[in-house]
Amino acid sequence: MHKNLLRASAVGAAAIAFCGVISVSQASAAQTCSTAGTNARIQVMTGIIPEAQLSVPTCVEAVADGKVRGKATVNWGFINDGQSDMTSKRFTSFKVTTRLESRVPGGTDVVVNSKTCDVTANINAAPESSFTCVTPALTLDPAKQWSGDATVVYDIEGDGKGPITWQLTGSPLMS
């Protein structure tokens, strides 16, 4: 129990630190993102591959020329206990689908653009890194509210369980 609490704390701290980096590096673009730790999990892996710490903040971002786009950044790190296999294939597949959604005030979200990014090669190649999947930008309609959302579907190498679907919490609305 204590070990899981420490791991959860580590995932939360990593997510908070990463969101701080987003805020600084994207100072020129207005954005709103899901809160740190909202889209975070520890995934048990097979064999002697360590557990994966995953966090995926979702954002909506206003960019140049009056445009808006959805964004999800997959952050990962594998726990290395000194005996872990840090070179083996970890995932058969790891894909994130990022969505840009709009709504009229009081209405429901409508997906207006999306993009699926295959992160499999990236996540298998590096024990710790990140990958950002961004939708194509659309013209920002100020009469609507905008949000970014995403879904991750991954399949752990060698576990025999098939794909796991992770529905992420979307960003807060941007007006």
N, C-alpha and C. Protein backbone atom coordinates (compact mmCIF):
# COMPACT_ATOMS: atom_id res chain seq x y z
N MET A 1 0.83 -1.19 0.00
CA MET A 1 0.00 0.00 0.00
C MET A 1 0.87 1.26 0.00
N HIS A 2 1.87 1.28 0.90
CA HIS A 2 2.75 2.45 1.00
C HIS A 2 3.51 2.65 -0.32
N LYS A 3 3.94 1.53 -0.94
CA LYS A 3 4.67 1.59 -2.21
C LYS A 3 3.78 2.22 -3.30
N ASN A 4 2.49 1.82 -3.35
CA ASN A 4 1.57 2.38 -4.35
C ASN A 4 1.31 3.86 -4.10
N LEU A 5 1.23 4.26 -2.83
CA LEU A 5 1.04 5.67 -2.48
C LEU A 5 2.23 6.50 -2.94
N LEU A 6 3.43 5.97 -2.74
CA LEU A 6 4.63 6.68 -3.20
C LEU A 6 4.64 6.81 -4.71
N ARG A 7 4.25 5.74 -5.41
CA ARG A 7 4.21 5.79 -6.87
C ARG A 7 3.18 6.82 -7.34
N ALA A 8 2.00 6.81 -6.74
CA ALA A 8 0.97 7.77 -7.11
C ALA A 8 1.45 9.20 -6.87
N SER A 9 2.15 9.40 -5.76
CA SER A 9 2.71 10.73 -5.48
C SER A 9 3.73 11.12 -6.53
N ALA A 10 4.53 10.17 -6.97
CA ALA A 10 5.55 10.45 -8.00
C ALA A 10 4.89 10.83 -9.31
N VAL A 11 3.81 10.12 -9.69
CA VAL A 11 3.10 10.46 -10.92
C VAL A 11 2.51 11.86 -10.82
N GLY A 12 1.90 12.17 -9.67
CA GLY A 12 1.33 13.51 -9.48
C GLY A 12 2.38 14.59 -9.54
N ALA A 13 3.52 14.36 -8.90
CA ALA A 13 4.60 15.35 -8.92
C ALA A 13 5.14 15.54 -10.33
N ALA A 14 5.28 14.44 -11.08
CA ALA A 14 5.77 14.55 -12.46
C ALA A 14 4.78 15.33 -13.32
N ALA A 15 3.50 15.07 -13.12
CA ALA A 15 2.47 15.78 -13.89
C ALA A 15 2.48 17.27 -13.57
N ILE A 16 2.61 17.61 -12.29
CA ILE A 16 2.67 19.02 -11.89
C ILE A 16 3.89 19.69 -12.49
N ALA A 17 5.03 19.03 -12.42
CA ALA A 17 6.26 19.59 -12.98
C ALA A 17 6.11 19.79 -14.48
N PHE A 18 5.51 18.81 -15.17
CA PHE A 18 5.35 18.93 -16.60
C PHE A 18 4.42 20.08 -16.96
N CYS A 19 3.32 20.23 -16.23
CA CYS A 19 2.39 21.33 -16.51
C CYS A 19 3.06 22.68 -16.32
N GLY A 20 3.97 22.76 -15.38
CA GLY A 20 4.74 23.99 -15.21
C GLY A 20 5.59 24.29 -16.43
N VAL A 21 6.16 23.23 -17.03
CA VAL A 21 6.95 23.39 -18.25
C VAL A 21 6.06 23.86 -19.38
N ILE A 22 4.86 23.29 -19.49
CA ILE A 22 3.92 23.71 -20.54
C ILE A 22 3.63 25.19 -20.40
N SER A 23 3.34 25.65 -19.19
CA SER A 23 2.98 27.05 -18.98
C SER A 23 4.10 27.98 -19.40
N VAL A 24 5.32 27.62 -19.11
CA VAL A 24 6.46 28.47 -19.46
C VAL A 24 6.75 28.41 -20.94
N SER A 25 6.77 27.19 -21.52
CA SER A 25 7.18 27.06 -22.92
C SER A 25 6.11 27.56 -23.88
N GLN A 26 4.86 27.63 -23.46
CA GLN A 26 3.79 28.06 -24.35
C GLN A 26 3.28 29.45 -23.97
N ALA A 27 4.12 30.27 -23.40
CA ALA A 27 3.69 31.59 -22.92
C ALA A 27 3.12 32.45 -24.04
N SER A 28 3.55 32.22 -25.27
CA SER A 28 3.08 33.04 -26.38
C SER A 28 1.70 32.62 -26.86
N ALA A 29 1.21 31.45 -26.46
CA ALA A 29 -0.10 30.97 -26.89
C ALA A 29 -1.00 30.82 -25.68
N ALA A 30 -2.25 31.27 -25.81
CA ALA A 30 -3.22 31.10 -24.73
C ALA A 30 -3.74 29.67 -24.77
N GLN A 31 -3.75 29.01 -23.61
CA GLN A 31 -4.27 27.66 -23.57
C GLN A 31 -4.87 27.36 -22.21
N THR A 32 -5.72 26.37 -22.18
CA THR A 32 -6.27 25.86 -20.94
C THR A 32 -6.14 24.35 -20.97
N CYS A 33 -5.67 23.76 -19.86
CA CYS A 33 -5.35 22.33 -19.83
C CYS A 33 -6.01 21.65 -18.64
N SER A 34 -6.18 20.33 -18.77
CA SER A 34 -6.68 19.54 -17.64
C SER A 34 -5.70 19.70 -16.48
N THR A 35 -6.19 19.56 -15.27
CA THR A 35 -5.35 19.77 -14.09
C THR A 35 -4.31 18.66 -13.94
N ALA A 36 -3.21 19.01 -13.30
CA ALA A 36 -2.12 18.05 -13.08
C ALA A 36 -2.64 16.85 -12.31
N GLY A 37 -2.28 15.69 -12.77
CA GLY A 37 -2.65 14.46 -12.10
C GLY A 37 -4.01 13.92 -12.52
N THR A 38 -4.84 14.72 -13.21
CA THR A 38 -6.16 14.25 -13.63
C THR A 38 -6.04 13.06 -14.56
N ASN A 39 -5.20 13.14 -15.55
CA ASN A 39 -5.02 12.09 -16.54
C ASN A 39 -3.69 11.38 -16.31
N ALA A 40 -3.55 10.76 -15.14
CA ALA A 40 -2.31 10.07 -14.80
C ALA A 40 -2.63 8.68 -14.28
N ARG A 41 -1.73 7.75 -14.56
CA ARG A 41 -1.90 6.39 -14.05
C ARG A 41 -0.56 5.68 -14.01
N ILE A 42 -0.51 4.65 -13.19
CA ILE A 42 0.63 3.74 -13.17
C ILE A 42 0.15 2.44 -13.79
N GLN A 43 0.83 2.00 -14.84
CA GLN A 43 0.44 0.79 -15.56
C GLN A 43 1.44 -0.32 -15.25
N VAL A 44 0.95 -1.42 -14.70
CA VAL A 44 1.80 -2.58 -14.44
C VAL A 44 2.14 -3.22 -15.78
N MET A 45 3.41 -3.53 -15.97
CA MET A 45 3.89 -4.13 -17.21
C MET A 45 4.16 -5.62 -16.99
N THR A 46 4.48 -6.34 -18.05
CA THR A 46 4.74 -7.78 -17.96
C THR A 46 6.22 -8.07 -17.75
N GLY A 47 6.53 -9.28 -17.28
CA GLY A 47 7.92 -9.74 -17.15
C GLY A 47 8.75 -8.84 -16.26
N ILE A 48 9.99 -8.60 -16.70
CA ILE A 48 10.89 -7.77 -15.89
C ILE A 48 10.94 -6.32 -16.39
N ILE A 49 9.94 -5.97 -17.21
CA ILE A 49 9.83 -4.57 -17.63
C ILE A 49 9.17 -3.81 -16.48
N PRO A 50 9.69 -2.66 -16.11
CA PRO A 50 9.15 -1.93 -14.96
C PRO A 50 7.76 -1.36 -15.23
N GLU A 51 7.15 -0.90 -14.18
CA GLU A 51 5.86 -0.23 -14.30
C GLU A 51 6.03 1.07 -15.08
N ALA A 52 4.97 1.44 -15.77
CA ALA A 52 4.98 2.69 -16.54
C ALA A 52 4.20 3.76 -15.78
N GLN A 53 4.80 4.93 -15.63
CA GLN A 53 4.09 6.09 -15.09
C GLN A 53 3.68 6.92 -16.30
N LEU A 54 2.37 7.09 -16.46
CA LEU A 54 1.83 7.79 -17.62
C LEU A 54 1.01 9.00 -17.17
N SER A 55 1.16 10.10 -17.87
CA SER A 55 0.28 11.25 -17.67
C SER A 55 0.04 11.90 -19.03
N VAL A 56 -1.19 12.33 -19.25
CA VAL A 56 -1.56 12.90 -20.55
C VAL A 56 -2.46 14.12 -20.33
N PRO A 57 -1.87 15.30 -20.10
CA PRO A 57 -2.71 16.49 -20.01
C PRO A 57 -3.35 16.79 -21.37
N THR A 58 -4.61 17.18 -21.34
CA THR A 58 -5.31 17.58 -22.56
C THR A 58 -5.52 19.08 -22.51
N CYS A 59 -5.38 19.73 -23.67
CA CYS A 59 -5.45 21.19 -23.73
C CYS A 59 -6.24 21.65 -24.94
N VAL A 60 -6.73 22.87 -24.86
CA VAL A 60 -7.20 23.61 -26.01
C VAL A 60 -6.32 24.86 -26.05
N GLU A 61 -5.86 25.21 -27.25
CA GLU A 61 -4.87 26.26 -27.38
C GLU A 61 -5.24 27.22 -28.51
N ALA A 62 -5.26 28.51 -28.19
CA ALA A 62 -5.43 29.54 -29.21
C ALA A 62 -4.05 29.84 -29.79
N VAL A 63 -3.95 29.79 -31.10
CA VAL A 63 -2.67 30.01 -31.77
C VAL A 63 -2.78 31.21 -32.71
N ALA A 64 -1.71 31.51 -33.41
CA ALA A 64 -1.65 32.68 -34.29
C ALA A 64 -2.77 32.68 -35.34
N ASP A 65 -3.02 33.84 -35.87
CA ASP A 65 -4.00 34.03 -36.94
C ASP A 65 -5.43 33.69 -36.54
N GLY A 66 -5.77 33.83 -35.24
CA GLY A 66 -7.14 33.61 -34.78
C GLY A 66 -7.60 32.17 -34.90
N LYS A 67 -6.69 31.24 -34.68
CA LYS A 67 -7.04 29.82 -34.81
C LYS A 67 -6.96 29.14 -33.45
N VAL A 68 -7.54 27.95 -33.37
CA VAL A 68 -7.58 27.16 -32.15
C VAL A 68 -7.31 25.70 -32.50
N ARG A 69 -6.72 24.95 -31.55
CA ARG A 69 -6.45 23.54 -31.79
C ARG A 69 -6.50 22.76 -30.47
N GLY A 70 -6.70 21.47 -30.58
CA GLY A 70 -6.67 20.57 -29.43
C GLY A 70 -5.28 19.96 -29.31
N LYS A 71 -4.89 19.62 -28.09
CA LYS A 71 -3.54 19.10 -27.87
C LYS A 71 -3.54 18.13 -26.69
N ALA A 72 -2.84 17.02 -26.86
CA ALA A 72 -2.63 16.07 -25.76
C ALA A 72 -1.15 15.69 -25.77
N THR A 73 -0.53 15.74 -24.61
CA THR A 73 0.89 15.40 -24.50
C THR A 73 1.03 14.15 -23.65
N VAL A 74 1.53 13.08 -24.27
CA VAL A 74 1.78 11.82 -23.56
C VAL A 74 3.15 11.92 -22.90
N ASN A 75 3.17 11.82 -21.57
CA ASN A 75 4.42 11.82 -20.80
C ASN A 75 4.58 10.43 -20.20
N TRP A 76 5.77 9.85 -20.30
CA TRP A 76 5.97 8.54 -19.72
C TRP A 76 7.34 8.43 -19.06
N GLY A 77 7.38 7.53 -18.11
CA GLY A 77 8.62 7.18 -17.43
C GLY A 77 8.45 5.77 -16.90
N PHE A 78 9.47 4.96 -17.03
CA PHE A 78 9.42 3.58 -16.54
C PHE A 78 10.25 3.48 -15.28
N ILE A 79 9.66 2.90 -14.25
CA ILE A 79 10.33 2.73 -12.97
C ILE A 79 11.48 1.76 -13.16
N ASN A 80 12.68 2.17 -12.79
CA ASN A 80 13.87 1.33 -12.94
C ASN A 80 14.37 0.97 -11.55
N ASP A 81 14.20 -0.30 -11.19
CA ASP A 81 14.63 -0.76 -9.88
C ASP A 81 16.05 -1.32 -9.89
N GLY A 82 16.77 -1.11 -10.98
CA GLY A 82 18.15 -1.60 -11.10
C GLY A 82 18.24 -2.98 -11.70
N GLN A 83 17.14 -3.73 -11.71
CA GLN A 83 17.11 -5.05 -12.31
C GLN A 83 16.13 -5.11 -13.47
N SER A 84 15.56 -4.00 -13.81
CA SER A 84 14.53 -3.94 -14.84
C SER A 84 15.13 -3.97 -16.23
N ASP A 85 14.35 -4.52 -17.14
CA ASP A 85 14.73 -4.57 -18.56
C ASP A 85 14.26 -3.27 -19.19
N MET A 86 15.17 -2.36 -19.44
CA MET A 86 14.81 -1.05 -19.99
C MET A 86 14.94 -1.00 -21.52
N THR A 87 15.23 -2.15 -22.17
CA THR A 87 15.43 -2.14 -23.62
C THR A 87 14.39 -2.94 -24.40
N SER A 88 13.63 -3.81 -23.74
CA SER A 88 12.65 -4.64 -24.44
C SER A 88 11.45 -3.82 -24.91
N LYS A 89 10.76 -4.37 -25.90
CA LYS A 89 9.53 -3.76 -26.40
C LYS A 89 8.50 -3.74 -25.28
N ARG A 90 7.89 -2.59 -25.06
CA ARG A 90 6.94 -2.42 -23.96
C ARG A 90 5.49 -2.52 -24.42
N PHE A 91 5.22 -1.93 -25.58
CA PHE A 91 3.86 -1.89 -26.10
C PHE A 91 3.81 -2.42 -27.52
N THR A 92 2.77 -3.20 -27.82
CA THR A 92 2.50 -3.63 -29.19
C THR A 92 1.94 -2.45 -29.97
N SER A 93 1.15 -1.63 -29.27
CA SER A 93 0.54 -0.45 -29.88
C SER A 93 0.28 0.58 -28.79
N PHE A 94 0.45 1.85 -29.13
CA PHE A 94 0.14 2.96 -28.21
C PHE A 94 -0.25 4.15 -29.07
N LYS A 95 -1.55 4.46 -29.09
CA LYS A 95 -2.06 5.55 -29.94
C LYS A 95 -2.90 6.52 -29.11
N VAL A 96 -2.76 7.79 -29.42
CA VAL A 96 -3.58 8.82 -28.79
C VAL A 96 -4.37 9.53 -29.88
N THR A 97 -5.66 9.68 -29.64
CA THR A 97 -6.52 10.45 -30.55
C THR A 97 -6.90 11.74 -29.82
N THR A 98 -6.44 12.86 -30.37
CA THR A 98 -6.70 14.18 -29.81
C THR A 98 -7.87 14.80 -30.56
N ARG A 99 -8.78 15.42 -29.80
CA ARG A 99 -9.96 16.03 -30.41
C ARG A 99 -10.07 17.50 -30.04
N LEU A 100 -10.47 18.31 -30.99
CA LEU A 100 -10.86 19.70 -30.76
C LEU A 100 -12.37 19.71 -30.77
N GLU A 101 -12.97 20.24 -29.68
CA GLU A 101 -14.41 20.25 -29.56
C GLU A 101 -14.90 21.69 -29.39
N SER A 102 -16.10 21.95 -29.90
CA SER A 102 -16.72 23.26 -29.71
C SER A 102 -18.14 23.05 -29.21
N ARG A 103 -18.68 24.09 -28.63
CA ARG A 103 -20.09 24.07 -28.21
C ARG A 103 -20.60 25.49 -28.15
N VAL A 104 -21.88 25.63 -28.40
CA VAL A 104 -22.52 26.92 -28.17
C VAL A 104 -22.80 26.96 -26.68
N PRO A 105 -22.75 28.14 -26.04
CA PRO A 105 -23.00 28.20 -24.60
C PRO A 105 -24.30 27.49 -24.23
N GLY A 106 -24.21 26.60 -23.24
CA GLY A 106 -25.36 25.82 -22.79
C GLY A 106 -25.59 24.55 -23.59
N GLY A 107 -24.82 24.35 -24.66
CA GLY A 107 -24.98 23.17 -25.51
C GLY A 107 -24.05 22.04 -25.10
N THR A 108 -23.90 21.07 -25.97
CA THR A 108 -23.00 19.94 -25.73
C THR A 108 -21.82 20.00 -26.69
N ASP A 109 -20.76 19.31 -26.32
CA ASP A 109 -19.55 19.29 -27.14
C ASP A 109 -19.80 18.61 -28.49
N VAL A 110 -19.20 19.19 -29.51
CA VAL A 110 -19.23 18.63 -30.86
C VAL A 110 -17.78 18.54 -31.32
N VAL A 111 -17.36 17.36 -31.77
CA VAL A 111 -16.00 17.20 -32.28
C VAL A 111 -15.92 17.88 -33.64
N VAL A 112 -15.00 18.84 -33.77
CA VAL A 112 -14.86 19.57 -35.02
C VAL A 112 -13.55 19.24 -35.74
N ASN A 113 -12.63 18.60 -35.04
CA ASN A 113 -11.37 18.18 -35.66
C ASN A 113 -10.71 17.15 -34.77
N SER A 114 -9.95 16.25 -35.35
CA SER A 114 -9.24 15.25 -34.55
C SER A 114 -7.98 14.79 -35.29
N LYS A 115 -7.10 14.18 -34.53
CA LYS A 115 -5.89 13.61 -35.11
C LYS A 115 -5.47 12.43 -34.23
N THR A 116 -5.11 11.33 -34.88
CA THR A 116 -4.59 10.16 -34.16
C THR A 116 -3.09 10.08 -34.40
N CYS A 117 -2.34 9.96 -33.32
CA CYS A 117 -0.88 9.85 -33.38
C CYS A 117 -0.45 8.50 -32.83
N ASP A 118 0.41 7.82 -33.57
CA ASP A 118 0.96 6.54 -33.13
C ASP A 118 2.25 6.81 -32.37
N VAL A 119 2.24 6.55 -31.08
CA VAL A 119 3.36 6.85 -30.20
C VAL A 119 4.18 5.59 -29.91
N THR A 120 3.80 4.46 -30.50
CA THR A 120 4.40 3.16 -30.18
C THR A 120 5.92 3.17 -30.29
N ALA A 121 6.46 3.60 -31.40
CA ALA A 121 7.92 3.59 -31.59
C ALA A 121 8.61 4.49 -30.57
N ASN A 122 8.02 5.65 -30.30
CA ASN A 122 8.62 6.59 -29.34
C ASN A 122 8.67 6.03 -27.94
N ILE A 123 7.56 5.46 -27.48
CA ILE A 123 7.48 4.98 -26.11
C ILE A 123 8.31 3.71 -25.91
N ASN A 124 8.48 2.93 -26.98
CA ASN A 124 9.32 1.74 -26.89
C ASN A 124 10.81 2.09 -26.95
N ALA A 125 11.14 3.24 -27.53
CA ALA A 125 12.55 3.61 -27.72
C ALA A 125 13.17 4.31 -26.53
N ALA A 126 12.37 4.99 -25.71
CA ALA A 126 12.93 5.81 -24.63
C ALA A 126 12.27 5.46 -23.30
N PRO A 127 13.07 5.24 -22.25
CA PRO A 127 12.49 4.93 -20.95
C PRO A 127 11.78 6.12 -20.29
N GLU A 128 12.04 7.33 -20.79
CA GLU A 128 11.39 8.51 -20.23
C GLU A 128 11.38 9.60 -21.30
N SER A 129 10.19 10.11 -21.62
CA SER A 129 10.10 11.18 -22.61
C SER A 129 8.66 11.66 -22.70
N SER A 130 8.36 12.40 -23.78
CA SER A 130 6.99 12.86 -24.02
C SER A 130 6.78 13.00 -25.52
N PHE A 131 5.51 13.05 -25.92
CA PHE A 131 5.12 13.18 -27.31
C PHE A 131 3.82 13.97 -27.34
N THR A 132 3.76 15.01 -28.16
CA THR A 132 2.56 15.85 -28.24
C THR A 132 1.83 15.58 -29.55
N CYS A 133 0.53 15.33 -29.43
CA CYS A 133 -0.35 15.10 -30.58
C CYS A 133 -1.30 16.29 -30.67
N VAL A 134 -1.27 16.99 -31.80
CA VAL A 134 -2.01 18.24 -31.98
C VAL A 134 -2.95 18.11 -33.17
N THR A 135 -4.19 18.57 -33.00
CA THR A 135 -5.13 18.58 -34.11
C THR A 135 -4.76 19.70 -35.07
N PRO A 136 -5.20 19.61 -36.31
CA PRO A 136 -5.06 20.77 -37.19
C PRO A 136 -5.85 21.94 -36.60
N ALA A 137 -5.36 23.15 -36.81
CA ALA A 137 -6.01 24.35 -36.26
C ALA A 137 -7.20 24.77 -37.13
N LEU A 138 -8.20 25.30 -36.46
CA LEU A 138 -9.38 25.84 -37.12
C LEU A 138 -9.58 27.29 -36.69
N THR A 139 -10.35 28.03 -37.46
CA THR A 139 -10.64 29.41 -37.11
C THR A 139 -11.45 29.46 -35.82
N LEU A 140 -11.01 30.27 -34.88
CA LEU A 140 -11.67 30.42 -33.59
C LEU A 140 -12.94 31.25 -33.76
N ASP A 141 -14.08 30.66 -33.45
CA ASP A 141 -15.36 31.37 -33.47
C ASP A 141 -15.62 31.86 -32.05
N PRO A 142 -15.56 33.18 -31.80
CA PRO A 142 -15.72 33.69 -30.44
C PRO A 142 -17.12 33.47 -29.86
N ALA A 143 -18.09 33.08 -30.68
CA ALA A 143 -19.44 32.82 -30.19
C ALA A 143 -19.54 31.42 -29.57
N LYS A 144 -18.48 30.62 -29.71
CA LYS A 144 -18.48 29.25 -29.20
C LYS A 144 -17.47 29.10 -28.06
N GLN A 145 -17.65 28.03 -27.30
CA GLN A 145 -16.67 27.63 -26.30
C GLN A 145 -15.91 26.45 -26.88
N TRP A 146 -14.62 26.35 -26.52
CA TRP A 146 -13.74 25.34 -27.11
C TRP A 146 -13.09 24.49 -26.02
N SER A 147 -12.82 23.23 -26.35
CA SER A 147 -12.11 22.35 -25.42
C SER A 147 -11.29 21.33 -26.20
N GLY A 148 -10.28 20.80 -25.53
CA GLY A 148 -9.47 19.72 -26.09
C GLY A 148 -9.77 18.46 -25.30
N ASP A 149 -9.81 17.33 -25.98
CA ASP A 149 -10.08 16.05 -25.33
C ASP A 149 -9.24 14.98 -26.03
N ALA A 150 -9.14 13.82 -25.42
CA ALA A 150 -8.33 12.76 -26.03
C ALA A 150 -8.70 11.39 -25.48
N THR A 151 -8.35 10.39 -26.25
CA THR A 151 -8.49 8.99 -25.85
C THR A 151 -7.17 8.30 -26.18
N VAL A 152 -6.69 7.47 -25.27
CA VAL A 152 -5.49 6.67 -25.50
C VAL A 152 -5.91 5.21 -25.59
N VAL A 153 -5.40 4.50 -26.59
CA VAL A 153 -5.62 3.06 -26.71
C VAL A 153 -4.24 2.42 -26.81
N TYR A 154 -3.95 1.52 -25.87
CA TYR A 154 -2.64 0.85 -25.89
C TYR A 154 -2.78 -0.64 -25.61
N ASP A 155 -1.80 -1.39 -26.09
CA ASP A 155 -1.75 -2.84 -25.92
C ASP A 155 -0.37 -3.18 -25.37
N ILE A 156 -0.33 -3.75 -24.18
CA ILE A 156 0.94 -4.10 -23.53
C ILE A 156 1.51 -5.36 -24.16
N GLU A 157 2.75 -5.30 -24.54
CA GLU A 157 3.45 -6.43 -25.15
C GLU A 157 3.46 -7.62 -24.19
N GLY A 158 2.97 -8.75 -24.68
CA GLY A 158 3.09 -10.01 -23.95
C GLY A 158 2.11 -10.26 -22.83
N ASP A 159 1.12 -9.37 -22.60
CA ASP A 159 0.19 -9.64 -21.49
C ASP A 159 -1.03 -10.46 -21.92
N GLY A 160 -1.27 -10.57 -23.24
CA GLY A 160 -2.36 -11.38 -23.75
C GLY A 160 -3.75 -10.82 -23.48
N LYS A 161 -3.87 -9.60 -23.01
CA LYS A 161 -5.17 -9.02 -22.65
C LYS A 161 -5.78 -8.17 -23.76
N GLY A 162 -5.02 -7.82 -24.77
CA GLY A 162 -5.55 -6.99 -25.84
C GLY A 162 -5.49 -5.51 -25.49
N PRO A 163 -6.10 -4.68 -26.34
CA PRO A 163 -6.04 -3.22 -26.16
C PRO A 163 -6.78 -2.73 -24.91
N ILE A 164 -6.23 -1.69 -24.31
CA ILE A 164 -6.82 -1.00 -23.16
C ILE A 164 -7.19 0.40 -23.65
N THR A 165 -8.44 0.81 -23.42
CA THR A 165 -8.89 2.15 -23.81
C THR A 165 -8.96 3.02 -22.56
N TRP A 166 -8.31 4.18 -22.65
CA TRP A 166 -8.25 5.13 -21.54
C TRP A 166 -8.91 6.43 -22.01
N GLN A 167 -10.11 6.70 -21.52
CA GLN A 167 -10.82 7.94 -21.85
C GLN A 167 -10.29 9.04 -20.93
N LEU A 168 -9.69 10.04 -21.49
CA LEU A 168 -9.10 11.11 -20.68
C LEU A 168 -10.13 12.19 -20.35
N THR A 169 -9.84 12.95 -19.30
CA THR A 169 -10.65 14.10 -18.95
C THR A 169 -10.23 15.25 -19.85
N GLY A 170 -11.20 15.90 -20.46
CA GLY A 170 -10.89 17.00 -21.36
C GLY A 170 -10.47 18.25 -20.63
N SER A 171 -10.00 19.20 -21.40
CA SER A 171 -9.57 20.49 -20.85
C SER A 171 -10.78 21.29 -20.40
N PRO A 172 -10.56 22.28 -19.55
CA PRO A 172 -11.64 23.23 -19.27
C PRO A 172 -11.99 24.00 -20.54
N LEU A 173 -13.16 24.59 -20.55
CA LEU A 173 -13.60 25.35 -21.73
C LEU A 173 -12.82 26.65 -21.88
N MET A 174 -12.57 27.01 -23.13
CA MET A 174 -11.97 28.30 -23.47
C MET A 174 -13.02 29.07 -24.26
N SER A 175 -13.22 30.31 -23.87
CA SER A 175 -14.22 31.13 -24.59
C SER A 175 -13.52 32.08 -25.54
